[in-house]
Amino acid sequence: MALLPTNRQWRGLVLFAIIIVVLGVLPWTVNNYWLRIATGALMWAGLACSWNMLGGYAGYINFGQSAFFGLGAYVTAFLMDDPFGLPFSATIPAGMVVTALCAVIIGAPTLRLRGAYFAIATWAFAEVLIQFASAVDFTGGIGGIGLPPYLNERFFYFAMFGTAALTYFLTWALFERSRFGLKVKALRDHEPAAEAMGINTAMVKLQTFVLSAVTASVFGAIFAYWVTFINPKSVFGGDITDQMVVMVLLGGLGTLWGPAIGGVVLFVVNRLIWMYWGDTAFYIAILGTAIVLVVLFLPNGIAGLFARRKNDALDKVLDKLAGSGEGGHP
C-alpha cells in the first residue's frame, strides 16, 4: 500500500493531466496571434526552469544563461544556412553538443568561484560571446543571420511545449526525486559539509551547469527558427538572463513549479504592455519594481506564498485537533 500515490500526489497528477490536455487542444481553439503568445509563454516558462536548475537548486547564480540560449540559436542558424542547408531537426543535437562542450570548458574553472565572483564570471562569458558574434563574418556580424521561414505556428507551439515539458520533467526527476537532487541541495545548503560527506561537489556542480545550459540551448534553437532572424543582441543579450532571474525569483527560487509560473506571468505582462503602450522601457521599470517587491514581500516567491498558506491551514487543523483532545477522555 505504501507504493500507492498519496492523496496529495493524486491531486498533483490530476492537475498535471488537466494542464496537458488544455495545452494540447489550445492550438485548435485560438487564432495565430494568441498562439504566438502561448508559444512565447511556454518558452519563457521553460527557460526559467532551466535557469532554476543551477541558480535555484544548486545556489549558483548564473548571469550568463543567455550565452547558451544564443549558442543553440546560432548553431541552428549557421547549419541551416548555406552551404550546409541542414534540416532543423539535425541542428538541435549539434547545438546541444556544442553547448555542452562550451559549458564544460567554461564551467570547470568558473564553478570554483562562489557568490558574486561566479555571477560576474558567467556574465563576462556572455559579453564575450556578444562581441565575438558581432565581429566575425560567419555569424553575420552585427547584421545577424536569417533562417528559411516556416509558417506553421502549431509546429513551433508544440516544439516549445515539448521542450518545456521535458525540462520540467527533468527538474522533477533529477532534482526532486533522485539522490542526485539530494547532493545538489546539500552543496547549496553547505558546500564544505557536503564535501565532508564524500560528495564530489565539483562534478555535481558541473553536471548541473551542463544540464542547465543544454536545455537553454534547445529553446534557443527553436526560437531562431521561429523568428527567422537573429543577431548577437537578440540572443546573447543580458536582458534575456535578467528576465529569467526575475521570473524565477517571482515564482520561487529552488521550487519545482514556481519558475514556470513566474515565466508565464511576466511574459504575459510584457505582451500586455506592448499591446497597450508599445513601450518596452515600461516593462524594464516593471521588472525592477518586481524585484524590489518580491525581495520585500515574497522572499520565497509565489510558490512560497502558497506553501505558507497551506502550512497555516494545517496548523489550524492541528490546533483544533489538539484542543478537542484536551477536552476529551484519555
Protein backbone atom coordinates (compact mmCIF):
# COMPACT_ATOMS: atom_id res chain seq x y z
CA MET A 1 0.00 0.00 0.00
CA ALA A 2 2.91 2.33 0.65
CA LEU A 3 3.70 2.27 -3.07
CA LEU A 4 0.33 3.77 -3.98
CA PRO A 5 0.23 7.53 -4.58
CA THR A 6 -0.92 9.67 -1.67
CA ASN A 7 -3.94 11.96 -1.94
CA ARG A 8 -1.62 14.91 -2.49
CA GLN A 9 0.20 13.07 -5.28
CA TRP A 10 -3.10 12.09 -6.89
CA ARG A 11 -4.19 15.73 -6.88
CA GLY A 12 -0.90 16.70 -8.47
CA LEU A 13 -1.25 14.04 -11.16
CA VAL A 14 -4.82 15.11 -11.94
CA LEU A 15 -3.81 18.77 -12.15
CA PHE A 16 -0.87 17.90 -14.39
CA ALA A 17 -3.14 15.84 -16.67
CA ILE A 18 -5.62 18.71 -16.93
CA ILE A 19 -2.84 21.16 -17.84
CA ILE A 20 -1.50 18.79 -20.51
CA VAL A 21 -4.96 18.35 -22.04
CA VAL A 22 -5.68 22.10 -22.04
CA LEU A 23 -2.31 22.93 -23.61
CA GLY A 24 -2.71 20.09 -26.09
CA VAL A 25 -6.01 21.37 -27.51
CA LEU A 26 -5.13 25.08 -27.27
CA PRO A 27 -3.79 25.43 -30.86
CA TRP A 28 -7.22 24.49 -32.23
CA THR A 29 -9.11 26.99 -30.06
CA VAL A 30 -7.21 30.27 -30.61
CA ASN A 31 -6.00 32.29 -33.60
CA ASN A 32 -2.36 32.59 -34.64
CA TYR A 33 -1.77 35.78 -32.64
CA TRP A 34 -2.72 34.20 -29.33
CA LEU A 35 -0.95 31.01 -30.32
CA ARG A 36 2.28 33.02 -30.66
CA ILE A 37 1.65 34.47 -27.21
CA ALA A 38 1.21 30.96 -25.81
CA THR A 39 4.37 29.78 -27.61
CA GLY A 40 6.38 32.61 -26.09
CA ALA A 41 4.95 31.92 -22.63
CA LEU A 42 5.99 28.27 -22.87
CA MET A 43 9.49 29.28 -23.97
CA TRP A 44 10.00 31.62 -21.04
CA ALA A 45 8.49 29.16 -18.57
CA GLY A 46 10.96 26.54 -19.79
CA LEU A 47 13.90 28.94 -19.74
CA ALA A 48 13.08 29.91 -16.16
CA CYS A 49 13.05 26.21 -15.21
CA SER A 50 16.41 25.69 -16.93
CA TRP A 51 17.98 28.61 -15.05
CA ASN A 52 16.49 27.35 -11.79
CA MET A 53 18.45 24.09 -12.04
CA LEU A 54 21.72 25.84 -11.24
CA GLY A 55 20.55 29.10 -9.69
CA GLY A 56 17.76 27.67 -7.54
CA TYR A 57 18.66 24.10 -6.67
CA ALA A 58 22.46 24.46 -6.60
CA GLY A 59 22.53 28.06 -5.39
CA TYR A 60 24.94 29.30 -8.08
CA ILE A 61 23.57 32.50 -9.62
CA ASN A 62 24.30 32.40 -13.34
CA PHE A 63 24.19 35.72 -15.20
CA GLY A 64 25.37 34.12 -18.43
CA GLN A 65 22.50 31.81 -19.29
CA SER A 66 21.79 33.84 -22.41
CA ALA A 67 25.15 32.62 -23.74
CA PHE A 68 23.82 29.07 -24.01
CA PHE A 69 20.47 30.21 -25.37
CA GLY A 70 22.38 32.11 -28.04
CA LEU A 71 24.70 29.20 -28.83
CA GLY A 72 21.73 26.99 -29.60
CA ALA A 73 20.24 29.72 -31.78
CA TYR A 74 23.42 30.40 -33.73
CA VAL A 75 24.29 26.75 -34.31
CA THR A 76 20.83 26.22 -35.80
CA ALA A 77 21.03 29.35 -37.95
CA PHE A 78 24.56 28.55 -39.12
CA LEU A 79 23.82 24.93 -40.06
CA MET A 80 20.52 25.72 -41.79
CA ASP A 81 22.16 28.44 -43.88
CA ASP A 82 24.33 27.86 -46.95
CA PRO A 83 26.50 25.91 -47.60
CA PHE A 84 25.24 23.30 -45.11
CA GLY A 85 21.49 23.58 -45.53
CA LEU A 86 20.76 21.00 -42.84
CA PRO A 87 17.17 20.34 -41.72
CA PHE A 88 16.10 21.92 -38.45
CA SER A 89 15.85 18.57 -36.66
CA ALA A 90 19.53 17.85 -37.35
CA THR A 91 20.71 21.17 -35.92
CA ILE A 92 19.28 20.65 -32.44
CA PRO A 93 21.58 17.77 -31.38
CA ALA A 94 24.52 19.64 -32.93
CA GLY A 95 23.67 22.69 -30.84
CA MET A 96 23.34 20.55 -27.72
CA VAL A 97 26.81 19.06 -28.26
CA VAL A 98 28.42 22.45 -28.91
CA THR A 99 26.71 23.93 -25.87
CA ALA A 100 27.68 21.01 -23.64
CA LEU A 101 31.33 21.33 -24.67
CA CYS A 102 31.31 25.09 -24.04
CA ALA A 103 29.60 24.56 -20.69
CA VAL A 104 32.28 22.08 -19.61
CA ILE A 105 35.10 24.37 -20.76
CA ILE A 106 33.60 27.42 -19.02
CA GLY A 107 32.09 25.64 -16.04
CA ALA A 108 35.17 23.68 -14.93
CA PRO A 109 37.13 26.81 -13.89
CA THR A 110 34.29 29.22 -13.05
CA LEU A 111 32.47 26.81 -10.74
CA ARG A 112 35.47 27.01 -8.44
CA LEU A 113 34.28 30.54 -7.75
CA ARG A 114 31.37 31.32 -5.47
CA GLY A 115 28.82 34.04 -4.93
CA ALA A 116 29.29 37.28 -6.81
CA TYR A 117 32.55 36.10 -8.36
CA PHE A 118 30.81 33.24 -10.18
CA ALA A 119 27.96 35.53 -11.25
CA ILE A 120 30.40 38.07 -12.71
CA ALA A 121 32.40 35.36 -14.50
CA THR A 122 29.30 33.98 -16.23
CA TRP A 123 28.15 37.48 -17.17
CA ALA A 124 31.57 38.13 -18.70
CA PHE A 125 31.32 34.93 -20.76
CA ALA A 126 28.03 36.08 -22.29
CA GLU A 127 29.51 39.50 -23.06
CA VAL A 128 32.49 37.89 -24.78
CA LEU A 129 30.15 35.89 -27.00
CA ILE A 130 28.24 39.05 -27.96
CA GLN A 131 31.46 40.75 -29.02
CA PHE A 132 32.72 37.66 -30.84
CA ALA A 133 29.47 37.12 -32.75
CA SER A 134 29.43 40.81 -33.68
CA ALA A 135 32.99 40.76 -35.00
CA VAL A 136 33.23 37.63 -37.16
CA ASP A 137 31.77 37.18 -40.63
CA PHE A 138 30.36 33.65 -40.44
CA THR A 139 27.79 34.75 -37.84
CA GLY A 140 26.69 37.68 -39.96
CA GLY A 141 28.28 40.14 -37.55
CA ILE A 142 26.09 42.86 -36.10
CA GLY A 143 23.72 42.45 -39.04
CA GLY A 144 22.81 38.96 -37.90
CA ILE A 145 21.79 35.91 -39.87
CA GLY A 146 18.48 34.84 -41.39
CA LEU A 147 16.79 31.45 -41.48
CA PRO A 148 14.35 29.98 -44.01
CA PRO A 149 10.79 30.78 -42.92
CA TYR A 150 8.47 28.01 -41.83
CA LEU A 151 4.96 29.37 -41.45
CA ASN A 152 3.43 26.80 -39.16
CA GLU A 153 2.60 28.26 -35.76
CA ARG A 154 1.39 24.93 -34.39
CA PHE A 155 4.77 23.34 -35.10
CA PHE A 156 6.60 25.94 -33.01
CA TYR A 157 3.97 25.80 -30.28
CA PHE A 158 4.34 22.05 -29.86
CA ALA A 159 8.14 22.29 -30.15
CA MET A 160 8.20 24.77 -27.24
CA PHE A 161 5.55 22.78 -25.39
CA GLY A 162 7.50 19.53 -25.67
CA THR A 163 10.80 21.13 -24.67
CA ALA A 164 9.24 22.94 -21.70
CA ALA A 165 7.52 19.73 -20.56
CA LEU A 166 10.79 17.79 -20.87
CA THR A 167 12.67 20.47 -18.92
CA TYR A 168 10.04 20.37 -16.19
CA PHE A 169 10.17 16.55 -16.09
CA LEU A 170 13.97 16.56 -15.83
CA THR A 171 13.75 19.06 -12.98
CA TRP A 172 11.25 16.86 -11.16
CA ALA A 173 13.06 13.58 -11.81
CA LEU A 174 16.62 14.75 -11.14
CA PHE A 175 16.26 17.47 -8.52
CA GLU A 176 13.17 16.39 -6.59
CA ARG A 177 13.11 12.60 -6.80
CA SER A 178 16.70 11.34 -7.02
CA ARG A 179 19.89 11.04 -5.00
CA PHE A 180 21.47 13.48 -7.43
CA GLY A 181 18.97 16.12 -6.34
CA LEU A 182 19.84 15.49 -2.69
CA LYS A 183 23.51 16.05 -3.49
CA VAL A 184 22.71 19.29 -5.32
CA LYS A 185 20.65 20.60 -2.41
CA ALA A 186 23.34 19.54 0.06
CA LEU A 187 26.02 21.60 -1.68
CA ARG A 188 23.60 24.53 -1.91
CA ASP A 189 22.89 24.43 1.82
CA HIS A 190 26.51 23.92 2.94
CA GLU A 191 29.13 23.03 0.36
CA PRO A 192 32.00 22.26 2.78
CA ALA A 193 29.73 19.92 4.73
CA ALA A 194 28.66 18.22 1.50
CA GLU A 195 32.31 17.67 0.60
CA ALA A 196 32.99 16.27 4.07
CA MET A 197 30.18 13.76 3.50
CA GLY A 198 32.03 12.44 0.45
CA ILE A 199 30.03 14.22 -2.26
CA ASN A 200 32.06 15.13 -5.33
CA THR A 201 30.73 18.67 -5.37
CA ALA A 202 32.84 19.74 -8.35
CA MET A 203 31.32 17.02 -10.53
CA VAL A 204 27.77 17.62 -9.26
CA LYS A 205 28.04 21.34 -9.97
CA LEU A 206 29.45 20.75 -13.43
CA GLN A 207 26.73 18.23 -14.31
CA THR A 208 24.05 20.68 -13.17
CA PHE A 209 25.69 23.51 -15.10
CA VAL A 210 25.82 21.46 -18.30
CA LEU A 211 22.22 20.28 -17.97
CA SER A 212 21.00 23.84 -17.39
CA ALA A 213 23.00 25.07 -20.39
CA VAL A 214 21.89 22.33 -22.79
CA THR A 215 18.19 22.78 -22.06
CA ALA A 216 18.52 26.53 -22.65
CA SER A 217 20.25 25.85 -25.99
CA VAL A 218 17.29 23.81 -27.26
CA PHE A 219 14.97 26.74 -26.59
CA GLY A 220 17.43 28.97 -28.43
CA ALA A 221 17.40 26.68 -31.46
CA ILE A 222 13.61 26.65 -31.65
CA PHE A 223 13.49 30.41 -31.11
CA ALA A 224 15.87 31.08 -34.01
CA TYR A 225 13.81 29.01 -36.45
CA TRP A 226 10.61 30.56 -35.11
CA VAL A 227 11.58 34.22 -35.55
CA THR A 228 13.62 33.50 -38.77
CA PHE A 229 16.27 36.13 -37.91
CA ILE A 230 18.77 36.56 -35.08
CA ASN A 231 21.61 38.90 -34.21
CA PRO A 232 24.04 38.92 -31.26
CA LYS A 233 21.92 41.24 -29.14
CA SER A 234 18.68 39.34 -29.69
CA VAL A 235 20.01 36.01 -28.39
CA PHE A 236 23.10 36.80 -26.28
CA GLY A 237 21.75 39.98 -24.67
CA GLY A 238 21.93 40.30 -20.91
CA ASP A 239 18.25 41.24 -20.72
CA ILE A 240 17.41 37.62 -21.60
CA THR A 241 19.16 36.34 -18.48
CA ASP A 242 17.80 39.22 -16.41
CA GLN A 243 14.25 38.18 -17.26
CA MET A 244 14.96 34.56 -16.35
CA VAL A 245 16.30 35.63 -12.96
CA VAL A 246 13.28 37.82 -12.18
CA MET A 247 10.88 35.09 -13.35
CA VAL A 248 12.48 32.56 -11.01
CA LEU A 249 12.53 34.99 -8.08
CA LEU A 250 8.88 35.85 -8.67
CA GLY A 251 7.81 32.22 -8.94
CA GLY A 252 10.01 30.82 -6.21
CA LEU A 253 13.76 30.15 -6.22
CA GLY A 254 14.56 26.45 -5.97
CA THR A 255 10.94 25.31 -6.30
CA LEU A 256 9.51 22.90 -8.85
CA TRP A 257 6.65 24.83 -10.44
CA GLY A 258 7.35 28.39 -9.24
CA PRO A 259 9.74 29.37 -12.08
CA ALA A 260 7.24 28.23 -14.73
CA ILE A 261 4.50 30.33 -13.13
CA GLY A 262 6.82 33.33 -12.88
CA GLY A 263 7.81 32.91 -16.51
CA VAL A 264 4.23 32.86 -17.75
CA VAL A 265 3.16 35.80 -15.57
CA LEU A 266 5.99 38.12 -16.58
CA PHE A 267 5.79 37.23 -20.26
CA VAL A 268 2.04 37.93 -20.32
CA VAL A 269 2.68 41.26 -18.57
CA ASN A 270 5.32 42.03 -21.22
CA ARG A 271 2.88 41.34 -24.06
CA LEU A 272 0.08 43.33 -22.45
CA ILE A 273 2.36 46.34 -22.03
CA TRP A 274 3.48 46.06 -25.64
CA MET A 275 -0.13 45.70 -26.79
CA TYR A 276 -1.46 48.77 -24.97
CA TRP A 277 1.58 51.04 -24.61
CA GLY A 278 4.11 49.78 -27.16
CA ASP A 279 6.98 50.82 -24.90
CA THR A 280 9.46 48.22 -23.63
CA ALA A 281 11.03 50.77 -21.27
CA PHE A 282 7.90 50.50 -19.13
CA TYR A 283 8.42 46.74 -18.94
CA ILE A 284 12.01 47.24 -17.73
CA ALA A 285 10.67 49.50 -14.99
CA ILE A 286 8.18 46.80 -14.00
CA LEU A 287 10.99 44.23 -13.84
CA GLY A 288 12.92 46.43 -11.43
CA THR A 289 9.83 47.06 -9.34
CA ALA A 290 9.04 43.34 -9.31
CA ILE A 291 12.49 42.55 -7.91
CA VAL A 292 12.05 45.05 -5.06
CA LEU A 293 8.53 43.85 -4.21
CA VAL A 294 9.50 40.18 -4.30
CA VAL A 295 12.51 40.73 -2.04
CA LEU A 296 10.43 42.74 0.44
CA PHE A 297 7.13 40.86 0.49
CA LEU A 298 7.62 37.50 -1.26
CA PRO A 299 11.15 36.29 -0.45
CA ASN A 300 10.09 32.74 -1.34
CA GLY A 301 8.09 33.77 -4.41
CA ILE A 302 4.57 32.77 -5.41
CA ALA A 303 5.28 29.12 -4.59
CA GLY A 304 6.38 30.11 -1.10
CA LEU A 305 3.19 32.11 -0.60
CA PHE A 306 1.00 29.10 -1.38
CA ALA A 307 3.17 26.83 0.77
CA ARG A 308 2.86 29.26 3.68
CA ARG A 309 -0.92 29.41 3.37
CA LYS A 310 -1.09 25.62 3.24
CA ASN A 311 1.07 25.34 6.35
CA ASP A 312 -1.07 27.93 8.16
CA ALA A 313 -4.20 25.93 7.32
CA LEU A 314 -2.53 22.74 8.55
CA ASP A 315 -1.52 24.44 11.80
CA LYS A 316 -5.14 25.49 12.40
CA VAL A 317 -6.35 21.93 11.87
CA LEU A 318 -3.72 20.56 14.25
CA ASP A 319 -4.61 23.19 16.85
CA LYS A 320 -8.28 22.19 16.65
CA LEU A 321 -7.40 18.52 16.97
CA ALA A 322 -5.18 19.27 19.94
CA GLY A 323 -7.92 21.34 21.55
CA SER A 324 -10.52 18.60 21.13
CA GLY A 325 -8.07 16.06 22.52
CA GLU A 326 -7.51 18.07 25.67
CA GLY A 327 -11.22 18.24 26.38
CA GLY A 328 -11.92 14.57 25.66
CA HIS A 329 -11.37 11.38 27.58
CA PRO A 330 -7.87 9.92 27.88
